[in-house]
Amino acid sequence: MNTFLYILLGLILLIVVLMLIAPKKYEVSRSIVVNKPLAEVYNYLKYIKNQDSWSPWHERDPNMKKEYTGTDGEIGFVSAWESDHKHVGSGEQEITGLKENEEIASQLRFLKPFKSVSDAYLRVSEENDGTKVTWGFYGDHKMPMNIMMLFMNMDKAVGKDFEQGLDKLKRVLEK
């Protein structure tokens, strides 16, 4: 019985230590320059429905179920999706802020495969040869789920998707 208690206490202590040392915050972003004027790029990006033409997740499951609430391109617009594809899952994205010709802010609420909430953004700025687009998201991992971050690299997990999406966005806008 004493051995069992020591093992149990050891496991609890290990979990507590891992929760304390594991990252609690994350941020992933990627950028690309699009050879189009800033206002044109911003006006395209602020419409969430346009993401279907460049999103890597839409490409993985073009038949996902989608529902929309509100007016696209305005604060409060919600795009909800549901997919059986394991790399798409289900959730919703809500436009939470618009800074004309600077940023489209949104909140991502994932329901499957894991429940989580992240803040996302698309930022635009003028570059010599066009418009720089930065796509990113950030958030907090609640304990004890933050332990997973010791074994998973968010930048590697999502960064490639952002790069793929931005490459496709560039092709779509530069047609």
N, C-alpha and C. Protein backbone atom coordinates (compact mmCIF):
# COMPACT_ATOMS: atom_id res chain seq x y z
N MET A 1 0.82 -1.20 0.00
CA MET A 1 0.00 0.00 0.00
C MET A 1 0.87 1.26 0.00
N ASN A 2 1.94 1.26 0.81
CA ASN A 2 2.83 2.42 0.85
C ASN A 2 3.48 2.67 -0.50
N THR A 3 3.87 1.60 -1.20
CA THR A 3 4.49 1.74 -2.52
C THR A 3 3.52 2.41 -3.48
N PHE A 4 2.26 2.00 -3.45
CA PHE A 4 1.24 2.59 -4.31
C PHE A 4 1.10 4.09 -4.03
N LEU A 5 1.07 4.47 -2.76
CA LEU A 5 0.95 5.89 -2.40
C LEU A 5 2.15 6.70 -2.87
N TYR A 6 3.36 6.14 -2.73
CA TYR A 6 4.56 6.83 -3.20
C TYR A 6 4.53 7.01 -4.72
N ILE A 7 4.09 5.98 -5.42
CA ILE A 7 3.99 6.08 -6.88
C ILE A 7 2.95 7.14 -7.26
N LEU A 8 1.82 7.11 -6.60
CA LEU A 8 0.76 8.08 -6.88
C LEU A 8 1.23 9.50 -6.59
N LEU A 9 1.87 9.71 -5.44
CA LEU A 9 2.39 11.04 -5.10
C LEU A 9 3.48 11.48 -6.09
N GLY A 10 4.31 10.53 -6.51
CA GLY A 10 5.35 10.82 -7.50
C GLY A 10 4.74 11.27 -8.83
N LEU A 11 3.68 10.58 -9.25
CA LEU A 11 3.01 10.96 -10.51
C LEU A 11 2.35 12.34 -10.39
N ILE A 12 1.72 12.59 -9.29
CA ILE A 12 1.08 13.90 -9.07
C ILE A 12 2.14 15.00 -9.07
N LEU A 13 3.26 14.76 -8.39
CA LEU A 13 4.34 15.74 -8.34
C LEU A 13 4.91 15.97 -9.75
N LEU A 14 5.08 14.91 -10.51
CA LEU A 14 5.58 15.02 -11.87
C LEU A 14 4.64 15.88 -12.73
N ILE A 15 3.35 15.64 -12.63
CA ILE A 15 2.37 16.41 -13.40
C ILE A 15 2.41 17.88 -13.01
N VAL A 16 2.50 18.16 -11.72
CA VAL A 16 2.56 19.55 -11.25
C VAL A 16 3.82 20.23 -11.78
N VAL A 17 4.96 19.56 -11.71
CA VAL A 17 6.22 20.14 -12.20
C VAL A 17 6.12 20.39 -13.71
N LEU A 18 5.58 19.43 -14.46
CA LEU A 18 5.44 19.61 -15.91
C LEU A 18 4.52 20.78 -16.24
N MET A 19 3.43 20.93 -15.49
CA MET A 19 2.51 22.06 -15.71
C MET A 19 3.22 23.39 -15.47
N LEU A 20 4.10 23.42 -14.48
CA LEU A 20 4.78 24.67 -14.15
C LEU A 20 5.86 25.04 -15.16
N ILE A 21 6.52 24.04 -15.76
CA ILE A 21 7.61 24.36 -16.70
C ILE A 21 7.14 24.42 -18.16
N ALA A 22 5.98 23.86 -18.47
CA ALA A 22 5.50 23.84 -19.85
C ALA A 22 5.07 25.23 -20.29
N PRO A 23 5.26 25.54 -21.58
CA PRO A 23 4.85 26.86 -22.09
C PRO A 23 3.35 27.09 -21.89
N LYS A 24 3.01 28.30 -21.54
CA LYS A 24 1.60 28.64 -21.34
C LYS A 24 1.08 29.55 -22.44
N LYS A 25 1.98 30.14 -23.20
CA LYS A 25 1.59 31.03 -24.30
C LYS A 25 2.19 30.52 -25.61
N TYR A 26 1.51 30.83 -26.70
CA TYR A 26 2.02 30.46 -28.02
C TYR A 26 1.68 31.57 -29.00
N GLU A 27 2.50 31.67 -30.03
CA GLU A 27 2.22 32.56 -31.16
C GLU A 27 2.92 32.00 -32.38
N VAL A 28 2.20 31.98 -33.47
CA VAL A 28 2.73 31.51 -34.74
C VAL A 28 2.34 32.53 -35.80
N SER A 29 3.28 32.91 -36.65
CA SER A 29 2.94 33.81 -37.75
C SER A 29 3.89 33.57 -38.93
N ARG A 30 3.40 33.93 -40.09
CA ARG A 30 4.18 33.88 -41.32
C ARG A 30 3.80 35.09 -42.15
N SER A 31 4.71 35.50 -43.04
CA SER A 31 4.46 36.67 -43.89
C SER A 31 4.84 36.38 -45.33
N ILE A 32 4.25 37.17 -46.21
CA ILE A 32 4.57 37.10 -47.64
C ILE A 32 4.28 38.47 -48.24
N VAL A 33 4.94 38.80 -49.34
CA VAL A 33 4.67 40.05 -50.04
C VAL A 33 3.85 39.74 -51.28
N VAL A 34 2.73 40.44 -51.40
CA VAL A 34 1.82 40.29 -52.54
C VAL A 34 1.98 41.52 -53.42
N ASN A 35 2.13 41.32 -54.69
CA ASN A 35 2.35 42.42 -55.62
C ASN A 35 1.03 43.07 -56.03
N LYS A 36 0.37 43.64 -55.06
CA LYS A 36 -0.90 44.36 -55.24
C LYS A 36 -0.93 45.52 -54.26
N PRO A 37 -1.71 46.56 -54.56
CA PRO A 37 -1.82 47.69 -53.62
C PRO A 37 -2.42 47.28 -52.28
N LEU A 38 -2.00 47.95 -51.22
CA LEU A 38 -2.42 47.63 -49.86
C LEU A 38 -3.94 47.63 -49.71
N ALA A 39 -4.63 48.64 -50.19
CA ALA A 39 -6.09 48.73 -50.02
C ALA A 39 -6.80 47.56 -50.70
N GLU A 40 -6.31 47.15 -51.85
CA GLU A 40 -6.91 46.02 -52.56
C GLU A 40 -6.73 44.72 -51.77
N VAL A 41 -5.55 44.51 -51.22
CA VAL A 41 -5.28 43.31 -50.43
C VAL A 41 -6.13 43.31 -49.16
N TYR A 42 -6.15 44.44 -48.45
CA TYR A 42 -6.94 44.53 -47.22
C TYR A 42 -8.42 44.25 -47.50
N ASN A 43 -8.96 44.87 -48.54
CA ASN A 43 -10.38 44.70 -48.86
C ASN A 43 -10.72 43.27 -49.25
N TYR A 44 -9.78 42.55 -49.79
CA TYR A 44 -10.00 41.13 -50.09
C TYR A 44 -9.96 40.30 -48.80
N LEU A 45 -8.98 40.58 -47.95
CA LEU A 45 -8.78 39.77 -46.74
C LEU A 45 -9.87 39.95 -45.70
N LYS A 46 -10.51 41.10 -45.65
CA LYS A 46 -11.49 41.34 -44.58
C LYS A 46 -12.75 40.50 -44.75
N TYR A 47 -12.95 39.91 -45.91
CA TYR A 47 -14.09 39.04 -46.14
C TYR A 47 -13.68 37.59 -45.85
N ILE A 48 -14.18 37.05 -44.75
CA ILE A 48 -13.80 35.70 -44.31
C ILE A 48 -14.15 34.66 -45.37
N LYS A 49 -15.25 34.85 -46.08
CA LYS A 49 -15.64 33.88 -47.11
C LYS A 49 -14.56 33.74 -48.19
N ASN A 50 -13.75 34.77 -48.41
CA ASN A 50 -12.67 34.69 -49.40
C ASN A 50 -11.60 33.68 -49.00
N GLN A 51 -11.54 33.33 -47.71
CA GLN A 51 -10.53 32.37 -47.27
C GLN A 51 -10.70 31.01 -47.94
N ASP A 52 -11.91 30.71 -48.42
CA ASP A 52 -12.12 29.44 -49.10
C ASP A 52 -11.24 29.30 -50.34
N SER A 53 -10.82 30.41 -50.91
CA SER A 53 -10.00 30.33 -52.13
C SER A 53 -8.51 30.17 -51.84
N TRP A 54 -8.10 30.30 -50.56
CA TRP A 54 -6.67 30.17 -50.27
C TRP A 54 -6.35 29.41 -48.98
N SER A 55 -7.33 29.06 -48.19
CA SER A 55 -7.09 28.37 -46.93
C SER A 55 -6.64 26.92 -47.14
N PRO A 56 -5.57 26.51 -46.47
CA PRO A 56 -5.14 25.11 -46.60
C PRO A 56 -6.16 24.14 -46.00
N TRP A 57 -6.94 24.60 -45.03
CA TRP A 57 -7.92 23.72 -44.40
C TRP A 57 -9.13 23.51 -45.32
N HIS A 58 -9.50 24.54 -46.05
CA HIS A 58 -10.59 24.38 -47.02
C HIS A 58 -10.15 23.44 -48.13
N GLU A 59 -8.87 23.52 -48.50
CA GLU A 59 -8.34 22.63 -49.53
C GLU A 59 -8.36 21.17 -49.06
N ARG A 60 -8.11 20.94 -47.77
CA ARG A 60 -8.13 19.58 -47.24
C ARG A 60 -9.53 18.98 -47.26
N ASP A 61 -10.53 19.82 -47.01
CA ASP A 61 -11.91 19.34 -47.01
C ASP A 61 -12.83 20.39 -47.63
N PRO A 62 -12.87 20.43 -48.97
CA PRO A 62 -13.71 21.43 -49.64
C PRO A 62 -15.21 21.19 -49.40
N ASN A 63 -15.56 20.02 -48.88
CA ASN A 63 -16.97 19.71 -48.63
C ASN A 63 -17.39 19.90 -47.18
N MET A 64 -16.55 20.56 -46.38
CA MET A 64 -16.92 20.79 -44.99
C MET A 64 -18.21 21.61 -44.95
N LYS A 65 -19.00 21.36 -43.89
CA LYS A 65 -20.23 22.13 -43.71
C LYS A 65 -19.87 23.49 -43.15
N LYS A 66 -20.49 24.53 -43.72
CA LYS A 66 -20.24 25.90 -43.27
C LYS A 66 -21.55 26.61 -43.00
N GLU A 67 -21.52 27.46 -41.99
CA GLU A 67 -22.66 28.32 -41.67
C GLU A 67 -22.11 29.70 -41.36
N TYR A 68 -22.87 30.72 -41.74
CA TYR A 68 -22.44 32.10 -41.54
C TYR A 68 -23.51 32.87 -40.77
N THR A 69 -23.04 33.77 -39.92
CA THR A 69 -23.92 34.65 -39.16
C THR A 69 -23.39 36.07 -39.27
N GLY A 70 -24.26 37.01 -39.57
CA GLY A 70 -23.85 38.40 -39.67
C GLY A 70 -23.46 38.78 -41.08
N THR A 71 -22.81 39.94 -41.19
CA THR A 71 -22.40 40.48 -42.48
C THR A 71 -20.90 40.31 -42.64
N ASP A 72 -20.51 39.56 -43.68
CA ASP A 72 -19.10 39.31 -43.92
C ASP A 72 -18.35 40.63 -44.12
N GLY A 73 -17.17 40.70 -43.55
CA GLY A 73 -16.36 41.90 -43.66
C GLY A 73 -16.64 42.92 -42.57
N GLU A 74 -17.52 42.57 -41.62
CA GLU A 74 -17.85 43.48 -40.53
C GLU A 74 -17.63 42.78 -39.19
N ILE A 75 -17.34 43.57 -38.15
CA ILE A 75 -17.15 43.03 -36.81
C ILE A 75 -18.40 42.27 -36.39
N GLY A 76 -18.21 41.08 -35.83
CA GLY A 76 -19.31 40.24 -35.39
C GLY A 76 -19.67 39.14 -36.37
N PHE A 77 -19.15 39.20 -37.59
CA PHE A 77 -19.41 38.13 -38.56
C PHE A 77 -18.79 36.84 -38.07
N VAL A 78 -19.55 35.73 -38.13
CA VAL A 78 -19.07 34.43 -37.69
C VAL A 78 -19.16 33.43 -38.83
N SER A 79 -18.07 32.75 -39.05
CA SER A 79 -18.01 31.64 -40.00
C SER A 79 -17.78 30.37 -39.18
N ALA A 80 -18.75 29.45 -39.21
CA ALA A 80 -18.62 28.19 -38.48
C ALA A 80 -18.39 27.07 -39.47
N TRP A 81 -17.57 26.09 -39.09
CA TRP A 81 -17.30 24.96 -39.97
C TRP A 81 -17.38 23.66 -39.19
N GLU A 82 -17.66 22.60 -39.94
CA GLU A 82 -17.69 21.26 -39.35
C GLU A 82 -17.16 20.29 -40.39
N SER A 83 -16.17 19.50 -39.98
CA SER A 83 -15.53 18.56 -40.89
C SER A 83 -15.18 17.28 -40.15
N ASP A 84 -15.23 16.18 -40.86
CA ASP A 84 -14.79 14.91 -40.31
C ASP A 84 -13.29 14.69 -40.54
N HIS A 85 -12.67 15.57 -41.32
CA HIS A 85 -11.24 15.46 -41.59
C HIS A 85 -10.47 15.77 -40.30
N LYS A 86 -9.56 14.90 -39.92
CA LYS A 86 -8.88 15.04 -38.63
C LYS A 86 -8.01 16.29 -38.52
N HIS A 87 -7.59 16.87 -39.65
CA HIS A 87 -6.77 18.08 -39.61
C HIS A 87 -7.58 19.35 -39.83
N VAL A 88 -8.91 19.21 -39.86
CA VAL A 88 -9.78 20.37 -40.05
C VAL A 88 -10.68 20.56 -38.83
N GLY A 89 -11.33 19.49 -38.40
CA GLY A 89 -12.16 19.54 -37.20
C GLY A 89 -13.37 20.43 -37.35
N SER A 90 -13.77 21.04 -36.24
CA SER A 90 -14.90 21.96 -36.28
C SER A 90 -14.64 23.12 -35.33
N GLY A 91 -15.31 24.22 -35.63
CA GLY A 91 -15.16 25.41 -34.82
C GLY A 91 -15.78 26.61 -35.50
N GLU A 92 -15.35 27.79 -35.07
CA GLU A 92 -15.86 29.00 -35.68
C GLU A 92 -14.84 30.12 -35.57
N GLN A 93 -14.97 31.07 -36.50
CA GLN A 93 -14.10 32.23 -36.54
C GLN A 93 -14.99 33.47 -36.55
N GLU A 94 -14.72 34.40 -35.64
CA GLU A 94 -15.50 35.63 -35.55
C GLU A 94 -14.60 36.85 -35.74
N ILE A 95 -15.01 37.75 -36.61
CA ILE A 95 -14.27 39.00 -36.79
C ILE A 95 -14.47 39.84 -35.53
N THR A 96 -13.35 40.18 -34.87
CA THR A 96 -13.43 40.94 -33.61
C THR A 96 -12.88 42.36 -33.73
N GLY A 97 -12.17 42.64 -34.81
CA GLY A 97 -11.63 43.99 -34.98
C GLY A 97 -11.20 44.24 -36.40
N LEU A 98 -11.39 45.48 -36.84
CA LEU A 98 -10.96 45.89 -38.18
C LEU A 98 -10.26 47.24 -38.06
N LYS A 99 -9.01 47.29 -38.51
CA LYS A 99 -8.27 48.55 -38.60
C LYS A 99 -8.00 48.75 -40.09
N GLU A 100 -8.72 49.68 -40.67
CA GLU A 100 -8.67 49.90 -42.12
C GLU A 100 -7.23 49.92 -42.63
N ASN A 101 -6.98 49.07 -43.62
CA ASN A 101 -5.67 48.96 -44.28
C ASN A 101 -4.52 48.61 -43.33
N GLU A 102 -4.86 47.98 -42.17
CA GLU A 102 -3.83 47.56 -41.22
C GLU A 102 -4.03 46.13 -40.74
N GLU A 103 -5.25 45.82 -40.21
CA GLU A 103 -5.41 44.52 -39.55
C GLU A 103 -6.87 44.06 -39.55
N ILE A 104 -7.02 42.76 -39.73
CA ILE A 104 -8.29 42.08 -39.50
C ILE A 104 -8.04 41.15 -38.33
N ALA A 105 -8.73 41.37 -37.22
CA ALA A 105 -8.55 40.53 -36.02
C ALA A 105 -9.76 39.61 -35.90
N SER A 106 -9.50 38.40 -35.44
CA SER A 106 -10.61 37.45 -35.25
C SER A 106 -10.30 36.53 -34.08
N GLN A 107 -11.36 35.91 -33.61
CA GLN A 107 -11.21 34.90 -32.57
C GLN A 107 -11.54 33.55 -33.18
N LEU A 108 -10.68 32.58 -32.95
CA LEU A 108 -10.89 31.21 -33.41
C LEU A 108 -11.32 30.38 -32.22
N ARG A 109 -12.47 29.74 -32.36
CA ARG A 109 -12.96 28.86 -31.30
C ARG A 109 -13.03 27.45 -31.88
N PHE A 110 -12.07 26.64 -31.49
CA PHE A 110 -12.01 25.26 -31.97
C PHE A 110 -12.85 24.37 -31.05
N LEU A 111 -13.62 23.49 -31.65
CA LEU A 111 -14.44 22.56 -30.89
C LEU A 111 -13.90 21.14 -31.00
N LYS A 112 -13.45 20.75 -32.19
CA LYS A 112 -12.87 19.44 -32.42
C LYS A 112 -11.62 19.61 -33.27
N PRO A 113 -10.59 18.87 -33.10
CA PRO A 113 -10.47 17.71 -32.23
C PRO A 113 -10.23 18.08 -30.77
N PHE A 114 -9.80 19.33 -30.50
CA PHE A 114 -9.61 19.79 -29.12
C PHE A 114 -10.30 21.13 -28.95
N LYS A 115 -10.89 21.35 -27.79
CA LYS A 115 -11.48 22.65 -27.51
C LYS A 115 -10.37 23.63 -27.15
N SER A 116 -10.39 24.78 -27.82
CA SER A 116 -9.45 25.84 -27.49
C SER A 116 -9.91 27.14 -28.13
N VAL A 117 -9.35 28.23 -27.65
CA VAL A 117 -9.67 29.55 -28.19
C VAL A 117 -8.34 30.24 -28.48
N SER A 118 -8.24 30.83 -29.67
CA SER A 118 -7.05 31.59 -30.06
C SER A 118 -7.48 32.89 -30.69
N ASP A 119 -6.61 33.87 -30.62
CA ASP A 119 -6.83 35.13 -31.33
C ASP A 119 -5.98 35.08 -32.59
N ALA A 120 -6.59 35.47 -33.71
CA ALA A 120 -5.90 35.42 -35.00
C ALA A 120 -5.87 36.81 -35.62
N TYR A 121 -4.98 36.99 -36.58
CA TYR A 121 -4.89 38.27 -37.27
C TYR A 121 -4.34 38.10 -38.67
N LEU A 122 -4.75 39.02 -39.51
CA LEU A 122 -4.16 39.23 -40.82
C LEU A 122 -3.75 40.70 -40.83
N ARG A 123 -2.45 40.96 -40.92
CA ARG A 123 -1.94 42.32 -40.91
C ARG A 123 -1.35 42.65 -42.28
N VAL A 124 -1.58 43.87 -42.71
CA VAL A 124 -1.04 44.31 -43.99
C VAL A 124 -0.24 45.59 -43.79
N SER A 125 0.83 45.71 -44.57
CA SER A 125 1.64 46.93 -44.55
C SER A 125 2.28 47.09 -45.93
N GLU A 126 2.56 48.35 -46.27
CA GLU A 126 3.16 48.62 -47.58
C GLU A 126 4.61 48.18 -47.60
N GLU A 127 4.98 47.59 -48.70
CA GLU A 127 6.36 47.21 -48.99
C GLU A 127 6.72 47.84 -50.33
N ASN A 128 7.99 47.95 -50.62
CA ASN A 128 8.42 48.54 -51.89
C ASN A 128 7.76 47.89 -53.09
N ASP A 129 7.69 46.57 -53.07
CA ASP A 129 7.17 45.86 -54.23
C ASP A 129 5.76 45.30 -54.01
N GLY A 130 4.98 45.92 -53.14
CA GLY A 130 3.62 45.46 -52.93
C GLY A 130 3.14 45.62 -51.51
N THR A 131 2.43 44.59 -51.04
CA THR A 131 1.84 44.62 -49.70
C THR A 131 2.31 43.40 -48.92
N LYS A 132 2.84 43.64 -47.76
CA LYS A 132 3.25 42.54 -46.88
C LYS A 132 2.01 42.08 -46.11
N VAL A 133 1.75 40.78 -46.16
CA VAL A 133 0.64 40.17 -45.43
C VAL A 133 1.25 39.27 -44.35
N THR A 134 0.85 39.50 -43.11
CA THR A 134 1.29 38.65 -42.00
C THR A 134 0.06 37.97 -41.43
N TRP A 135 0.11 36.65 -41.41
CA TRP A 135 -0.99 35.83 -40.91
C TRP A 135 -0.51 35.16 -39.64
N GLY A 136 -1.25 35.32 -38.55
CA GLY A 136 -0.80 34.71 -37.31
C GLY A 136 -1.93 34.46 -36.33
N PHE A 137 -1.58 33.75 -35.28
CA PHE A 137 -2.50 33.54 -34.17
C PHE A 137 -1.72 33.31 -32.90
N TYR A 138 -2.38 33.56 -31.78
CA TYR A 138 -1.72 33.43 -30.48
C TYR A 138 -2.77 33.10 -29.43
N GLY A 139 -2.29 32.63 -28.30
CA GLY A 139 -3.21 32.31 -27.22
C GLY A 139 -2.48 31.74 -26.02
N ASP A 140 -3.28 31.26 -25.09
CA ASP A 140 -2.78 30.68 -23.85
C ASP A 140 -3.22 29.22 -23.76
N HIS A 141 -2.33 28.41 -23.24
CA HIS A 141 -2.68 27.02 -22.93
C HIS A 141 -2.99 26.95 -21.45
N LYS A 142 -4.16 26.48 -21.14
CA LYS A 142 -4.55 26.32 -19.74
C LYS A 142 -3.89 25.06 -19.16
N MET A 143 -3.58 25.12 -17.89
CA MET A 143 -3.05 23.94 -17.21
C MET A 143 -4.18 22.96 -16.99
N PRO A 144 -4.01 21.70 -17.12
CA PRO A 144 -2.80 20.94 -17.39
C PRO A 144 -2.55 20.70 -18.89
N MET A 145 -3.42 21.26 -19.77
CA MET A 145 -3.26 21.01 -21.21
C MET A 145 -1.94 21.57 -21.74
N ASN A 146 -1.33 22.53 -21.04
CA ASN A 146 -0.07 23.09 -21.50
C ASN A 146 1.05 22.05 -21.51
N ILE A 147 0.88 20.95 -20.80
CA ILE A 147 1.89 19.88 -20.80
C ILE A 147 2.11 19.35 -22.22
N MET A 148 1.04 19.35 -23.03
CA MET A 148 1.16 18.86 -24.42
C MET A 148 2.20 19.66 -25.20
N MET A 149 2.40 20.93 -24.84
CA MET A 149 3.34 21.78 -25.57
C MET A 149 4.80 21.37 -25.36
N LEU A 150 5.05 20.53 -24.36
CA LEU A 150 6.39 19.99 -24.19
C LEU A 150 6.71 18.97 -25.28
N PHE A 151 5.68 18.43 -25.91
CA PHE A 151 5.84 17.38 -26.90
C PHE A 151 5.40 17.80 -28.30
N MET A 152 4.89 19.03 -28.43
CA MET A 152 4.38 19.51 -29.71
C MET A 152 4.89 20.93 -29.94
N ASN A 153 5.35 21.20 -31.15
CA ASN A 153 5.83 22.52 -31.51
C ASN A 153 4.77 23.20 -32.36
N MET A 154 4.06 24.19 -31.80
CA MET A 154 2.98 24.88 -32.52
C MET A 154 3.50 25.52 -33.80
N ASP A 155 4.71 26.09 -33.75
CA ASP A 155 5.25 26.75 -34.93
C ASP A 155 5.41 25.76 -36.08
N LYS A 156 5.93 24.58 -35.77
CA LYS A 156 6.09 23.57 -36.80
C LYS A 156 4.74 22.99 -37.23
N ALA A 157 3.84 22.83 -36.28
CA ALA A 157 2.54 22.22 -36.57
C ALA A 157 1.68 23.09 -37.47
N VAL A 158 1.69 24.41 -37.25
CA VAL A 158 0.80 25.31 -37.98
C VAL A 158 1.55 26.16 -39.00
N GLY A 159 2.82 26.39 -38.77
CA GLY A 159 3.60 27.26 -39.66
C GLY A 159 3.56 26.85 -41.11
N LYS A 160 3.68 25.56 -41.39
CA LYS A 160 3.64 25.08 -42.78
C LYS A 160 2.28 25.36 -43.42
N ASP A 161 1.21 25.23 -42.64
CA ASP A 161 -0.12 25.54 -43.16
C ASP A 161 -0.22 27.03 -43.51
N PHE A 162 0.31 27.88 -42.64
CA PHE A 162 0.29 29.32 -42.92
C PHE A 162 1.08 29.64 -44.18
N GLU A 163 2.25 29.02 -44.33
CA GLU A 163 3.06 29.25 -45.53
C GLU A 163 2.32 28.80 -46.79
N GLN A 164 1.72 27.63 -46.73
CA GLN A 164 0.96 27.11 -47.87
C GLN A 164 -0.20 28.05 -48.21
N GLY A 165 -0.93 28.50 -47.19
CA GLY A 165 -2.06 29.40 -47.41
C GLY A 165 -1.62 30.74 -47.99
N LEU A 166 -0.54 31.31 -47.46
CA LEU A 166 -0.06 32.59 -47.96
C LEU A 166 0.45 32.48 -49.40
N ASP A 167 1.11 31.37 -49.72
CA ASP A 167 1.55 31.16 -51.11
C ASP A 167 0.35 31.13 -52.06
N LYS A 168 -0.69 30.45 -51.63
CA LYS A 168 -1.89 30.37 -52.47
C LYS A 168 -2.59 31.73 -52.54
N LEU A 169 -2.63 32.46 -51.41
CA LEU A 169 -3.21 33.81 -51.41
C LEU A 169 -2.48 34.69 -52.43
N LYS A 170 -1.18 34.63 -52.44
CA LYS A 170 -0.38 35.42 -53.38
C LYS A 170 -0.75 35.07 -54.82
N ARG A 171 -0.86 33.78 -55.12
CA ARG A 171 -1.24 33.36 -56.47
C ARG A 171 -2.64 33.86 -56.85
N VAL A 172 -3.59 33.74 -55.89
CA VAL A 172 -4.97 34.18 -56.14
C VAL A 172 -5.02 35.68 -56.42
N LEU A 173 -4.35 36.47 -55.59
CA LEU A 173 -4.41 37.93 -55.74
C LEU A 173 -3.60 38.48 -56.91
N GLU A 174 -2.57 37.76 -57.32
CA GLU A 174 -1.71 38.26 -58.39
C GLU A 174 -2.14 37.76 -59.77
N LYS A 175 -3.26 37.08 -59.87
CA LYS A 175 -3.75 36.60 -61.17
C LYS A 175 -3.94 37.75 -62.14
